[in-house]
Amino acid sequence: MRLKAAVKDWRVVLISAIVVPLVLIGLWLAFDVTVGIALLVLGLVLLAFSANKAVGHSISVASALGMSPLMIGLVIVSLGTDFPEIANSIFSSALGHGDINVGDSLGSVLTQMTLVLGLLPFFGRQFRVKRDEIVVLGACEILALIATISMVEKGYISRMNAVFLVASWPILLLITRSLTQKPEATQQTGQRLYYHLALSLVGFGGIAVGSFIVIESVIAMSGALGVPEYFISFFVVGLGTSLPEFVVDLTAIRKGQYELAIGDAIGSCLVDAGFSIGVGSLLFAPISITGRFAETTGLYALFGSVIVISVLALRQKLDRRAGVIFLVIYFLSYLTLTV
């Protein structure tokens, strides 16, 4: 046992000796493309790992409080898996990089609605969805996107705009509450609840650190490659910060928690479309944005959302045929780079 413990301690020391200097060098020294890519990967891995842990323990807390699977996915899981975007919004807005805030959030909307939902039936299994839930959730997500696009096309987000975006999120909760029934709370001791709550907070702390690393790497690569921050954020960071949704939703589907998965998938898009953009803007408004990029990609994310919601509502199931349609929509988004 002592030998195993010694080996484990040795591994921890070795990993720390490698990771910590890499983070410090990346954050405080001059960046080049190689270091920027390495930090981007490191930050995204930390985001995915931390979000998965944070969400898992948050679900335990929510279940103990008697929330339905849909509401757990819609409220707890979507906020947890969207914490990377929320943290990115705050840090990027504080640093004066509004394109990273908006690009990441709108990129996450498109990725989650098309790529994530498109891959789920291939890596997990097909499942049926309820038309009324899809219509309500989808309509709210589409309205939030329309409101955001109308703001970002001006090239900035004011504090008043930010207040509206942040306040729009609770509207969905009020609407969907009538669609769910409150189950009986599971029996857990106060000690277990505090345990899960504490580990959730630790996970969210890891997400914040990962977000800061990601933002610094995006700024570095944008300058080194001459690529606009917005496009790196929309296509690269948006893809990376959607990893928690994919991991969590795939796990939920394999466990038969279909409502939790669909609640998180669409609920996360609603958070991204309004709350995550607005929270950074609210604290550090006004933030500047490259309006023509945000408008083009935002409209495409809106187009993708309408198609996905329509397909799910009409067919009332997520299967591989629907998955193929969603994947095609995602990959066609790269045509916006030529606009």
C-alpha atoms as a PDB file:
ATOM      1  CA  MET A   1       0.000   0.000   0.000  1.00  0.00           C
ATOM      2  CA  ARG A   2       2.876   2.345   0.818  1.00  0.00           C
ATOM      3  CA  LEU A   3       4.430   1.604  -2.549  1.00  0.00           C
ATOM      4  CA  LYS A   4       1.173   2.434  -4.371  1.00  0.00           C
ATOM      5  CA  ALA A   5       0.799   5.633  -2.390  1.00  0.00           C
ATOM      6  CA  ALA A   6       4.373   6.597  -3.176  1.00  0.00           C
ATOM      7  CA  VAL A   7       3.803   5.955  -6.877  1.00  0.00           C
ATOM      8  CA  LYS A   8       0.615   8.007  -6.798  1.00  0.00           C
ATOM      9  CA  ASP A   9       2.382  10.871  -5.025  1.00  0.00           C
ATOM     10  CA  TRP A  10       5.223  10.670  -7.537  1.00  0.00           C
ATOM     11  CA  ARG A  11       2.761  10.936 -10.419  1.00  0.00           C
ATOM     12  CA  VAL A  12       1.076  13.964  -8.851  1.00  0.00           C
ATOM     13  CA  VAL A  13       4.430  15.672  -8.399  1.00  0.00           C
ATOM     14  CA  LEU A  14       5.442  14.856 -11.976  1.00  0.00           C
ATOM     15  CA  ILE A  15       2.179  16.144 -13.436  1.00  0.00           C
ATOM     16  CA  SER A  16       2.419  19.308 -11.336  1.00  0.00           C
ATOM     17  CA  ALA A  17       6.019  19.812 -12.414  1.00  0.00           C
ATOM     18  CA  ILE A  18       4.923  19.718 -16.052  1.00  0.00           C
ATOM     19  CA  VAL A  19       1.583  21.526 -15.956  1.00  0.00           C
ATOM     20  CA  VAL A  20       2.322  24.379 -13.564  1.00  0.00           C
ATOM     21  CA  PRO A  21       5.403  25.704 -15.407  1.00  0.00           C
ATOM     22  CA  LEU A  22       3.529  25.422 -18.713  1.00  0.00           C
ATOM     23  CA  VAL A  23       0.651  27.525 -17.397  1.00  0.00           C
ATOM     24  CA  LEU A  24       2.968  30.107 -15.857  1.00  0.00           C
ATOM     25  CA  ILE A  25       5.092  30.379 -18.982  1.00  0.00           C
ATOM     26  CA  GLY A  26       2.017  30.712 -21.166  1.00  0.00           C
ATOM     27  CA  LEU A  27       0.399  33.387 -19.044  1.00  0.00           C
ATOM     28  CA  TRP A  28       3.349  35.593 -18.236  1.00  0.00           C
ATOM     29  CA  LEU A  29       5.824  35.196 -21.126  1.00  0.00           C
ATOM     30  CA  ALA A  30       5.522  36.160 -24.766  1.00  0.00           C
ATOM     31  CA  PHE A  31       3.282  33.807 -26.685  1.00  0.00           C
ATOM     32  CA  ASP A  32       4.014  32.151 -30.001  1.00  0.00           C
ATOM     33  CA  VAL A  33       1.687  29.900 -31.995  1.00  0.00           C
ATOM     34  CA  THR A  34       2.984  26.675 -30.446  1.00  0.00           C
ATOM     35  CA  VAL A  35       2.557  27.874 -26.875  1.00  0.00           C
ATOM     36  CA  GLY A  36      -0.839  29.343 -27.744  1.00  0.00           C
ATOM     37  CA  ILE A  37      -2.107  26.036 -29.130  1.00  0.00           C
ATOM     38  CA  ALA A  38      -0.705  24.108 -26.161  1.00  0.00           C
ATOM     39  CA  LEU A  39      -2.440  26.434 -23.725  1.00  0.00           C
ATOM     40  CA  LEU A  40      -5.675  26.287 -25.691  1.00  0.00           C
ATOM     41  CA  VAL A  41      -5.703  22.483 -25.468  1.00  0.00           C
ATOM     42  CA  LEU A  42      -4.769  22.576 -21.788  1.00  0.00           C
ATOM     43  CA  GLY A  43      -7.497  25.098 -21.013  1.00  0.00           C
ATOM     44  CA  LEU A  44     -10.170  23.192 -22.924  1.00  0.00           C
ATOM     45  CA  VAL A  45      -9.236  19.902 -21.218  1.00  0.00           C
ATOM     46  CA  LEU A  46      -9.431  21.603 -17.826  1.00  0.00           C
ATOM     47  CA  LEU A  47     -12.802  23.117 -18.773  1.00  0.00           C
ATOM     48  CA  ALA A  48     -14.266  19.784 -19.845  1.00  0.00           C
ATOM     49  CA  PHE A  49     -12.969  17.876 -16.818  1.00  0.00           C
ATOM     50  CA  SER A  50     -13.991  20.506 -14.275  1.00  0.00           C
ATOM     51  CA  ALA A  51     -17.439  21.034 -15.801  1.00  0.00           C
ATOM     52  CA  ASN A  52     -18.146  17.300 -15.825  1.00  0.00           C
ATOM     53  CA  LYS A  53     -17.283  17.004 -12.130  1.00  0.00           C
ATOM     54  CA  ALA A  54     -19.144  20.152 -11.170  1.00  0.00           C
ATOM     55  CA  VAL A  55     -22.285  19.132 -13.027  1.00  0.00           C
ATOM     56  CA  GLY A  56     -22.291  15.600 -11.645  1.00  0.00           C
ATOM     57  CA  HIS A  57     -22.327  16.833  -8.055  1.00  0.00           C
ATOM     58  CA  SER A  58     -24.809  19.606  -8.898  1.00  0.00           C
ATOM     59  CA  ILE A  59     -27.225  16.962 -10.178  1.00  0.00           C
ATOM     60  CA  SER A  60     -26.977  15.170  -6.837  1.00  0.00           C
ATOM     61  CA  VAL A  61     -27.884  18.379  -5.018  1.00  0.00           C
ATOM     62  CA  ALA A  62     -30.792  19.145  -7.382  1.00  0.00           C
ATOM     63  CA  SER A  63     -32.165  15.610  -7.171  1.00  0.00           C
ATOM     64  CA  ALA A  64     -32.127  15.783  -3.390  1.00  0.00           C
ATOM     65  CA  LEU A  65     -34.166  18.984  -3.598  1.00  0.00           C
ATOM     66  CA  GLY A  66     -36.836  17.291  -5.746  1.00  0.00           C
ATOM     67  CA  MET A  67     -36.319  18.830  -9.190  1.00  0.00           C
ATOM     68  CA  SER A  68     -37.602  17.011 -12.289  1.00  0.00           C
ATOM     69  CA  PRO A  69     -35.107  15.638 -14.849  1.00  0.00           C
ATOM     70  CA  LEU A  70     -36.058  18.309 -17.404  1.00  0.00           C
ATOM     71  CA  MET A  71     -35.633  21.128 -14.885  1.00  0.00           C
ATOM     72  CA  ILE A  72     -32.357  19.642 -13.656  1.00  0.00           C
ATOM     73  CA  GLY A  73     -31.070  19.699 -17.234  1.00  0.00           C
ATOM     74  CA  LEU A  74     -32.557  23.097 -17.949  1.00  0.00           C
ATOM     75  CA  VAL A  75     -31.397  24.894 -14.820  1.00  0.00           C
ATOM     76  CA  ILE A  76     -28.595  23.120 -12.989  1.00  0.00           C
ATOM     77  CA  VAL A  77     -26.855  21.186 -15.767  1.00  0.00           C
ATOM     78  CA  SER A  78     -27.157  23.904 -18.426  1.00  0.00           C
ATOM     79  CA  LEU A  79     -25.694  26.513 -16.093  1.00  0.00           C
ATOM     80  CA  GLY A  80     -22.951  24.117 -15.052  1.00  0.00           C
ATOM     81  CA  THR A  81     -21.966  23.074 -18.559  1.00  0.00           C
ATOM     82  CA  ASP A  82     -22.204  26.708 -19.685  1.00  0.00           C
ATOM     83  CA  PHE A  83     -19.928  27.951 -16.920  1.00  0.00           C
ATOM     84  CA  PRO A  84     -16.986  27.992 -19.389  1.00  0.00           C
ATOM     85  CA  GLU A  85     -18.883  30.429 -21.627  1.00  0.00           C
ATOM     86  CA  ILE A  86     -19.993  32.499 -18.627  1.00  0.00           C
ATOM     87  CA  ALA A  87     -16.447  32.676 -17.259  1.00  0.00           C
ATOM     88  CA  ASN A  88     -15.106  33.497 -20.721  1.00  0.00           C
ATOM     89  CA  SER A  89     -17.676  36.280 -21.007  1.00  0.00           C
ATOM     90  CA  ILE A  90     -16.583  37.861 -17.746  1.00  0.00           C
ATOM     91  CA  PHE A  91     -12.832  37.565 -18.321  1.00  0.00           C
ATOM     92  CA  SER A  92     -12.888  38.600 -21.987  1.00  0.00           C
ATOM     93  CA  SER A  93     -15.136  41.598 -21.298  1.00  0.00           C
ATOM     94  CA  ALA A  94     -12.894  42.651 -18.426  1.00  0.00           C
ATOM     95  CA  LEU A  95      -9.876  42.488 -20.745  1.00  0.00           C
ATOM     96  CA  GLY A  96     -11.648  44.491 -23.453  1.00  0.00           C
ATOM     97  CA  HIS A  97     -12.077  41.622 -25.946  1.00  0.00           C
ATOM     98  CA  GLY A  98     -15.799  41.640 -26.711  1.00  0.00           C
ATOM     99  CA  ASP A  99     -15.333  39.507 -29.836  1.00  0.00           C
ATOM    100  CA  ILE A 100     -14.212  36.585 -27.656  1.00  0.00           C
ATOM    101  CA  ASN A 101     -17.308  36.951 -25.487  1.00  0.00           C
ATOM    102  CA  VAL A 102     -19.829  37.043 -28.334  1.00  0.00           C
ATOM    103  CA  GLY A 103     -17.930  34.701 -30.653  1.00  0.00           C
ATOM    104  CA  ASP A 104     -17.637  31.973 -28.040  1.00  0.00           C
ATOM    105  CA  SER A 105     -21.289  32.209 -26.982  1.00  0.00           C
ATOM    106  CA  LEU A 106     -22.780  32.257 -30.496  1.00  0.00           C
ATOM    107  CA  GLY A 107     -20.350  29.555 -31.617  1.00  0.00           C
ATOM    108  CA  SER A 108     -21.468  27.419 -28.691  1.00  0.00           C
ATOM    109  CA  VAL A 109     -25.121  27.877 -29.669  1.00  0.00           C
ATOM    110  CA  LEU A 110     -24.470  26.616 -33.178  1.00  0.00           C
ATOM    111  CA  THR A 111     -22.200  23.778 -32.012  1.00  0.00           C
ATOM    112  CA  GLN A 112     -24.588  22.517 -29.365  1.00  0.00           C
ATOM    113  CA  MET A 113     -27.714  22.730 -31.507  1.00  0.00           C
ATOM    114  CA  THR A 114     -26.141  21.019 -34.528  1.00  0.00           C
ATOM    115  CA  LEU A 115     -22.875  19.188 -33.842  1.00  0.00           C
ATOM    116  CA  VAL A 116     -23.634  17.978 -30.300  1.00  0.00           C
ATOM    117  CA  LEU A 117     -27.227  16.933 -31.035  1.00  0.00           C
ATOM    118  CA  GLY A 118     -26.077  15.460 -34.343  1.00  0.00           C
ATOM    119  CA  LEU A 119     -23.428  13.242 -32.741  1.00  0.00           C
ATOM    120  CA  LEU A 120     -25.544  11.988 -29.829  1.00  0.00           C
ATOM    121  CA  PRO A 121     -27.535   9.340 -31.771  1.00  0.00           C
ATOM    122  CA  PHE A 122     -24.299   7.957 -33.250  1.00  0.00           C
ATOM    123  CA  PHE A 123     -22.354   7.680 -30.004  1.00  0.00           C
ATOM    124  CA  GLY A 124     -25.348   7.059 -27.758  1.00  0.00           C
ATOM    125  CA  ARG A 125     -28.774   5.975 -28.924  1.00  0.00           C
ATOM    126  CA  GLN A 126     -31.869   7.405 -30.549  1.00  0.00           C
ATOM    127  CA  PHE A 127     -34.701   8.540 -28.289  1.00  0.00           C
ATOM    128  CA  ARG A 128     -38.090  10.189 -28.477  1.00  0.00           C
ATOM    129  CA  VAL A 129     -38.742  13.786 -27.485  1.00  0.00           C
ATOM    130  CA  LYS A 130     -41.936  15.566 -26.452  1.00  0.00           C
ATOM    131  CA  ARG A 131     -43.186  18.003 -29.052  1.00  0.00           C
ATOM    132  CA  ASP A 132     -44.583  20.548 -26.578  1.00  0.00           C
ATOM    133  CA  GLU A 133     -41.313  20.723 -24.650  1.00  0.00           C
ATOM    134  CA  ILE A 134     -39.252  21.088 -27.825  1.00  0.00           C
ATOM    135  CA  VAL A 135     -41.502  23.839 -29.195  1.00  0.00           C
ATOM    136  CA  VAL A 136     -41.462  25.855 -25.960  1.00  0.00           C
ATOM    137  CA  LEU A 137     -37.744  25.466 -25.316  1.00  0.00           C
ATOM    138  CA  GLY A 138     -36.869  26.087 -28.953  1.00  0.00           C
ATOM    139  CA  ALA A 139     -39.081  29.159 -29.266  1.00  0.00           C
ATOM    140  CA  CYS A 140     -37.440  30.750 -26.238  1.00  0.00           C
ATOM    141  CA  GLU A 141     -33.951  29.979 -27.543  1.00  0.00           C
ATOM    142  CA  ILE A 142     -34.788  31.447 -30.966  1.00  0.00           C
ATOM    143  CA  LEU A 143     -36.253  34.617 -29.417  1.00  0.00           C
ATOM    144  CA  ALA A 144     -33.106  35.060 -27.304  1.00  0.00           C
ATOM    145  CA  LEU A 145     -30.960  34.709 -30.435  1.00  0.00           C
ATOM    146  CA  ILE A 146     -33.019  37.274 -32.339  1.00  0.00           C
ATOM    147  CA  ALA A 147     -32.660  39.751 -29.479  1.00  0.00           C
ATOM    148  CA  THR A 148     -28.894  39.195 -29.321  1.00  0.00           C
ATOM    149  CA  ILE A 149     -28.396  39.570 -33.087  1.00  0.00           C
ATOM    150  CA  SER A 150     -30.324  42.835 -33.079  1.00  0.00           C
ATOM    151  CA  MET A 151     -27.907  44.160 -30.449  1.00  0.00           C
ATOM    152  CA  VAL A 152     -24.541  42.898 -31.666  1.00  0.00           C
ATOM    153  CA  GLU A 153     -25.015  44.112 -35.255  1.00  0.00           C
ATOM    154  CA  LYS A 154     -24.571  47.648 -33.908  1.00  0.00           C
ATOM    155  CA  GLY A 155     -20.994  46.808 -32.924  1.00  0.00           C
ATOM    156  CA  TYR A 156     -21.407  47.137 -29.166  1.00  0.00           C
ATOM    157  CA  ILE A 157     -23.519  46.016 -26.217  1.00  0.00           C
ATOM    158  CA  SER A 158     -24.635  48.645 -23.717  1.00  0.00           C
ATOM    159  CA  ARG A 159     -25.387  48.014 -20.070  1.00  0.00           C
ATOM    160  CA  MET A 160     -29.108  48.339 -20.753  1.00  0.00           C
ATOM    161  CA  ASN A 161     -28.826  45.682 -23.482  1.00  0.00           C
ATOM    162  CA  ALA A 162     -26.909  43.487 -21.049  1.00  0.00           C
ATOM    163  CA  VAL A 163     -29.606  43.801 -18.404  1.00  0.00           C
ATOM    164  CA  PHE A 164     -32.186  42.646 -20.939  1.00  0.00           C
ATOM    165  CA  LEU A 165     -30.059  39.662 -22.023  1.00  0.00           C
ATOM    166  CA  VAL A 166     -29.425  38.507 -18.459  1.00  0.00           C
ATOM    167  CA  ALA A 167     -33.059  38.976 -17.431  1.00  0.00           C
ATOM    168  CA  SER A 168     -34.349  36.999 -20.424  1.00  0.00           C
ATOM    169  CA  TRP A 169     -33.055  33.696 -19.062  1.00  0.00           C
ATOM    170  CA  PRO A 170     -35.500  33.340 -16.101  1.00  0.00           C
ATOM    171  CA  ILE A 171     -38.415  33.720 -18.537  1.00  0.00           C
ATOM    172  CA  LEU A 172     -37.750  30.230 -19.882  1.00  0.00           C
ATOM    173  CA  LEU A 173     -37.827  28.782 -16.396  1.00  0.00           C
ATOM    174  CA  LEU A 174     -41.235  30.317 -15.718  1.00  0.00           C
ATOM    175  CA  ILE A 175     -42.627  28.985 -18.992  1.00  0.00           C
ATOM    176  CA  THR A 176     -41.270  25.450 -18.702  1.00  0.00           C
ATOM    177  CA  ARG A 177     -42.226  25.064 -15.047  1.00  0.00           C
ATOM    178  CA  SER A 178     -45.791  24.297 -16.102  1.00  0.00           C
ATOM    179  CA  LEU A 179     -44.521  21.423 -18.303  1.00  0.00           C
ATOM    180  CA  THR A 180     -42.834  19.528 -15.500  1.00  0.00           C
ATOM    181  CA  GLN A 181     -44.046  17.738 -12.432  1.00  0.00           C
ATOM    182  CA  LYS A 182     -42.117  17.948  -9.224  1.00  0.00           C
ATOM    183  CA  PRO A 183     -40.973  14.485  -8.109  1.00  0.00           C
ATOM    184  CA  GLU A 184     -40.403  13.450  -4.546  1.00  0.00           C
ATOM    185  CA  ALA A 185     -37.081  14.499  -3.133  1.00  0.00           C
ATOM    186  CA  THR A 186     -34.580  11.784  -2.449  1.00  0.00           C
ATOM    187  CA  GLN A 187     -33.434  11.276   1.077  1.00  0.00           C
ATOM    188  CA  GLN A 188     -29.951  12.613   1.679  1.00  0.00           C
ATOM    189  CA  THR A 189     -28.352  13.841   4.851  1.00  0.00           C
ATOM    190  CA  GLY A 190     -27.235  17.418   5.212  1.00  0.00           C
ATOM    191  CA  GLN A 191     -23.665  16.210   5.296  1.00  0.00           C
ATOM    192  CA  ARG A 192     -23.988  14.582   1.859  1.00  0.00           C
ATOM    193  CA  LEU A 193     -25.578  17.706   0.426  1.00  0.00           C
ATOM    194  CA  TYR A 194     -22.710  19.854   1.707  1.00  0.00           C
ATOM    195  CA  TYR A 195     -20.250  17.336   0.259  1.00  0.00           C
ATOM    196  CA  HIS A 196     -21.766  17.542  -3.232  1.00  0.00           C
ATOM    197  CA  LEU A 197     -22.125  21.324  -2.985  1.00  0.00           C
ATOM    198  CA  ALA A 198     -18.473  21.756  -1.982  1.00  0.00           C
ATOM    199  CA  LEU A 199     -17.207  19.588  -4.839  1.00  0.00           C
ATOM    200  CA  SER A 200     -19.431  21.474  -7.286  1.00  0.00           C
ATOM    201  CA  LEU A 201     -17.825  24.744  -6.217  1.00  0.00           C
ATOM    202  CA  VAL A 202     -14.353  23.234  -6.637  1.00  0.00           C
ATOM    203  CA  GLY A 203     -15.293  22.144 -10.149  1.00  0.00           C
ATOM    204  CA  PHE A 204     -16.571  25.617 -11.011  1.00  0.00           C
ATOM    205  CA  GLY A 205     -13.263  27.055  -9.759  1.00  0.00           C
ATOM    206  CA  GLY A 206     -11.390  24.783 -12.156  1.00  0.00           C
ATOM    207  CA  ILE A 207     -13.645  25.977 -14.970  1.00  0.00           C
ATOM    208  CA  ALA A 208     -12.783  29.606 -14.203  1.00  0.00           C
ATOM    209  CA  VAL A 209      -9.039  28.860 -14.361  1.00  0.00           C
ATOM    210  CA  GLY A 210      -9.459  26.954 -17.625  1.00  0.00           C
ATOM    211  CA  SER A 211     -11.446  29.823 -19.119  1.00  0.00           C
ATOM    212  CA  PHE A 212      -8.720  32.332 -18.335  1.00  0.00           C
ATOM    213  CA  ILE A 213      -6.113  30.092 -19.986  1.00  0.00           C
ATOM    214  CA  VAL A 214      -8.314  29.698 -23.078  1.00  0.00           C
ATOM    215  CA  ILE A 215      -8.811  33.456 -23.452  1.00  0.00           C
ATOM    216  CA  GLU A 216      -5.094  34.203 -23.169  1.00  0.00           C
ATOM    217  CA  SER A 217      -4.308  31.550 -25.784  1.00  0.00           C
ATOM    218  CA  VAL A 218      -6.921  32.949 -28.201  1.00  0.00           C
ATOM    219  CA  ILE A 219      -5.491  36.455 -27.872  1.00  0.00           C
ATOM    220  CA  ALA A 220      -1.995  35.103 -28.518  1.00  0.00           C
ATOM    221  CA  MET A 221      -2.923  32.989 -31.555  1.00  0.00           C
ATOM    222  CA  SER A 222      -5.003  35.778 -33.061  1.00  0.00           C
ATOM    223  CA  GLY A 223      -2.036  38.124 -32.987  1.00  0.00           C
ATOM    224  CA  ALA A 224       0.457  35.512 -34.213  1.00  0.00           C
ATOM    225  CA  LEU A 225      -1.675  34.196 -37.099  1.00  0.00           C
ATOM    226  CA  GLY A 226      -3.405  37.414 -38.064  1.00  0.00           C
ATOM    227  CA  VAL A 227      -6.820  35.723 -37.720  1.00  0.00           C
ATOM    228  CA  PRO A 228      -9.615  37.784 -36.150  1.00  0.00           C
ATOM    229  CA  GLU A 229     -10.333  36.882 -32.525  1.00  0.00           C
ATOM    230  CA  TYR A 230     -14.008  36.529 -33.375  1.00  0.00           C
ATOM    231  CA  PHE A 231     -13.540  33.622 -35.793  1.00  0.00           C
ATOM    232  CA  ILE A 232     -11.160  31.755 -33.481  1.00  0.00           C
ATOM    233  CA  SER A 233     -13.672  32.190 -30.673  1.00  0.00           C
ATOM    234  CA  PHE A 234     -16.669  31.200 -32.804  1.00  0.00           C
ATOM    235  CA  PHE A 235     -15.212  28.078 -34.439  1.00  0.00           C
ATOM    236  CA  VAL A 236     -12.457  26.903 -32.070  1.00  0.00           C
ATOM    237  CA  VAL A 237     -13.345  28.093 -28.575  1.00  0.00           C
ATOM    238  CA  GLY A 238     -17.072  27.558 -29.168  1.00  0.00           C
ATOM    239  CA  LEU A 239     -16.296  23.977 -30.131  1.00  0.00           C
ATOM    240  CA  GLY A 240     -14.096  23.432 -27.086  1.00  0.00           C
ATOM    241  CA  THR A 241     -16.479  24.950 -24.544  1.00  0.00           C
ATOM    242  CA  SER A 242     -19.254  22.718 -25.926  1.00  0.00           C
ATOM    243  CA  LEU A 243     -17.359  19.587 -24.870  1.00  0.00           C
ATOM    244  CA  PRO A 244     -19.005  19.565 -21.406  1.00  0.00           C
ATOM    245  CA  GLU A 245     -22.462  19.504 -23.021  1.00  0.00           C
ATOM    246  CA  PHE A 246     -21.518  16.602 -25.268  1.00  0.00           C
ATOM    247  CA  VAL A 247     -19.967  14.562 -22.446  1.00  0.00           C
ATOM    248  CA  VAL A 248     -22.793  15.203 -19.999  1.00  0.00           C
ATOM    249  CA  ASP A 249     -25.609  14.677 -22.524  1.00  0.00           C
ATOM    250  CA  LEU A 250     -24.055  11.489 -23.885  1.00  0.00           C
ATOM    251  CA  THR A 251     -23.705  10.132 -20.346  1.00  0.00           C
ATOM    252  CA  ALA A 252     -27.305  11.064 -19.578  1.00  0.00           C
ATOM    253  CA  ILE A 253     -28.598   9.325 -22.722  1.00  0.00           C
ATOM    254  CA  ARG A 254     -26.697   6.152 -21.961  1.00  0.00           C
ATOM    255  CA  LYS A 255     -28.312   6.165 -18.526  1.00  0.00           C
ATOM    256  CA  GLY A 256     -31.765   6.694 -20.009  1.00  0.00           C
ATOM    257  CA  GLN A 257     -32.076  10.294 -18.761  1.00  0.00           C
ATOM    258  CA  TYR A 258     -33.393  11.660 -22.052  1.00  0.00           C
ATOM    259  CA  GLU A 259     -35.241  14.675 -20.671  1.00  0.00           C
ATOM    260  CA  LEU A 260     -32.167  15.740 -18.731  1.00  0.00           C
ATOM    261  CA  ALA A 261     -30.093  15.542 -21.913  1.00  0.00           C
ATOM    262  CA  ILE A 262     -32.517  17.514 -24.092  1.00  0.00           C
ATOM    263  CA  GLY A 263     -33.058  20.042 -21.304  1.00  0.00           C
ATOM    264  CA  ASP A 264     -29.317  20.641 -21.086  1.00  0.00           C
ATOM    265  CA  ALA A 265     -28.740  20.722 -24.859  1.00  0.00           C
ATOM    266  CA  ILE A 266     -31.374  23.364 -25.600  1.00  0.00           C
ATOM    267  CA  GLY A 267     -31.179  25.029 -22.184  1.00  0.00           C
ATOM    268  CA  SER A 268     -27.454  25.604 -22.669  1.00  0.00           C
ATOM    269  CA  CYS A 269     -28.163  27.331 -25.970  1.00  0.00           C
ATOM    270  CA  LEU A 270     -30.625  29.630 -24.250  1.00  0.00           C
ATOM    271  CA  VAL A 271     -28.030  30.505 -21.609  1.00  0.00           C
ATOM    272  CA  ASP A 272     -25.424  31.139 -24.318  1.00  0.00           C
ATOM    273  CA  ALA A 273     -27.743  33.210 -26.484  1.00  0.00           C
ATOM    274  CA  GLY A 274     -28.565  35.660 -23.720  1.00  0.00           C
ATOM    275  CA  PHE A 275     -27.224  35.201 -20.226  1.00  0.00           C
ATOM    276  CA  SER A 276     -23.584  34.317 -20.968  1.00  0.00           C
ATOM    277  CA  ILE A 277     -23.174  37.225 -23.396  1.00  0.00           C
ATOM    278  CA  GLY A 278     -24.991  39.639 -21.118  1.00  0.00           C
ATOM    279  CA  VAL A 279     -23.251  38.856 -17.830  1.00  0.00           C
ATOM    280  CA  GLY A 280     -19.826  40.052 -19.001  1.00  0.00           C
ATOM    281  CA  SER A 281     -21.375  43.050 -20.716  1.00  0.00           C
ATOM    282  CA  LEU A 282     -23.340  43.906 -17.591  1.00  0.00           C
ATOM    283  CA  LEU A 283     -20.195  44.081 -15.465  1.00  0.00           C
ATOM    284  CA  PHE A 284     -17.950  45.816 -18.005  1.00  0.00           C
ATOM    285  CA  ALA A 285     -20.307  47.573 -20.436  1.00  0.00           C
ATOM    286  CA  PRO A 286     -20.142  48.801 -23.046  1.00  0.00           C
ATOM    287  CA  ILE A 287     -18.166  46.171 -24.948  1.00  0.00           C
ATOM    288  CA  SER A 288     -17.137  46.529 -28.601  1.00  0.00           C
ATOM    289  CA  ILE A 289     -17.784  43.825 -31.204  1.00  0.00           C
ATOM    290  CA  THR A 290     -16.988  43.329 -34.880  1.00  0.00           C
ATOM    291  CA  GLY A 291     -20.612  43.771 -35.925  1.00  0.00           C
ATOM    292  CA  ARG A 292     -20.483  42.261 -39.422  1.00  0.00           C
ATOM    293  CA  PHE A 293     -18.915  39.014 -38.130  1.00  0.00           C
ATOM    294  CA  ALA A 294     -21.364  38.733 -35.242  1.00  0.00           C
ATOM    295  CA  GLU A 295     -24.367  39.419 -37.479  1.00  0.00           C
ATOM    296  CA  THR A 296     -23.374  36.857 -40.131  1.00  0.00           C
ATOM    297  CA  THR A 297     -22.565  34.038 -37.736  1.00  0.00           C
ATOM    298  CA  GLY A 298     -25.484  34.918 -35.476  1.00  0.00           C
ATOM    299  CA  LEU A 299     -27.940  34.680 -38.368  1.00  0.00           C
ATOM    300  CA  TYR A 300     -26.491  31.312 -39.336  1.00  0.00           C
ATOM    301  CA  ALA A 301     -26.839  30.072 -35.743  1.00  0.00           C
ATOM    302  CA  LEU A 302     -30.460  31.270 -35.874  1.00  0.00           C
ATOM    303  CA  PHE A 303     -31.008  29.418 -39.158  1.00  0.00           C
ATOM    304  CA  GLY A 304     -29.511  26.237 -37.692  1.00  0.00           C
ATOM    305  CA  SER A 305     -31.652  26.509 -34.561  1.00  0.00           C
ATOM    306  CA  VAL A 306     -34.865  26.885 -36.554  1.00  0.00           C
ATOM    307  CA  ILE A 307     -34.061  23.791 -38.649  1.00  0.00           C
ATOM    308  CA  VAL A 308     -33.120  21.678 -35.627  1.00  0.00           C
ATOM    309  CA  ILE A 309     -36.187  22.651 -33.602  1.00  0.00           C
ATOM    310  CA  SER A 310     -38.468  22.073 -36.599  1.00  0.00           C
ATOM    311  CA  VAL A 311     -37.022  18.612 -37.303  1.00  0.00           C
ATOM    312  CA  LEU A 312     -37.275  17.524 -33.659  1.00  0.00           C
ATOM    313  CA  ALA A 313     -40.798  18.904 -33.253  1.00  0.00           C
ATOM    314  CA  LEU A 314     -42.111  17.303 -36.458  1.00  0.00           C
ATOM    315  CA  ARG A 315     -40.431  13.886 -36.064  1.00  0.00           C
ATOM    316  CA  GLN A 316     -40.577  13.781 -32.241  1.00  0.00           C
ATOM    317  CA  LYS A 317     -37.339  11.818 -32.023  1.00  0.00           C
ATOM    318  CA  LEU A 318     -33.601  12.246 -32.278  1.00  0.00           C
ATOM    319  CA  ASP A 319     -32.191   9.508 -34.487  1.00  0.00           C
ATOM    320  CA  ARG A 320     -29.305   9.119 -36.930  1.00  0.00           C
ATOM    321  CA  ARG A 321     -31.277  10.540 -39.847  1.00  0.00           C
ATOM    322  CA  ALA A 322     -31.862  13.737 -37.904  1.00  0.00           C
ATOM    323  CA  GLY A 323     -28.248  13.602 -36.745  1.00  0.00           C
ATOM    324  CA  VAL A 324     -26.966  13.655 -40.319  1.00  0.00           C
ATOM    325  CA  ILE A 325     -29.066  16.750 -41.088  1.00  0.00           C
ATOM    326  CA  PHE A 326     -27.727  18.534 -38.018  1.00  0.00           C
ATOM    327  CA  LEU A 327     -24.110  17.642 -38.832  1.00  0.00           C
ATOM    328  CA  VAL A 328     -24.454  18.946 -42.397  1.00  0.00           C
ATOM    329  CA  ILE A 329     -25.804  22.249 -41.048  1.00  0.00           C
ATOM    330  CA  TYR A 330     -22.830  22.543 -38.705  1.00  0.00           C
ATOM    331  CA  PHE A 331     -20.153  21.930 -41.319  1.00  0.00           C
ATOM    332  CA  LEU A 332     -21.814  24.294 -43.795  1.00  0.00           C
ATOM    333  CA  SER A 333     -21.242  27.049 -41.216  1.00  0.00           C
ATOM    334  CA  TYR A 334     -17.597  27.233 -42.318  1.00  0.00           C
ATOM    335  CA  LEU A 335     -18.827  28.920 -45.488  1.00  0.00           C
ATOM    336  CA  THR A 336     -19.395  32.015 -43.342  1.00  0.00           C
ATOM    337  CA  LEU A 337     -15.607  32.416 -43.254  1.00  0.00           C
ATOM    338  CA  THR A 338     -15.772  33.547 -46.878  1.00  0.00           C
ATOM    339  CA  VAL A 339     -18.375  36.213 -46.241  1.00  0.00           C
END
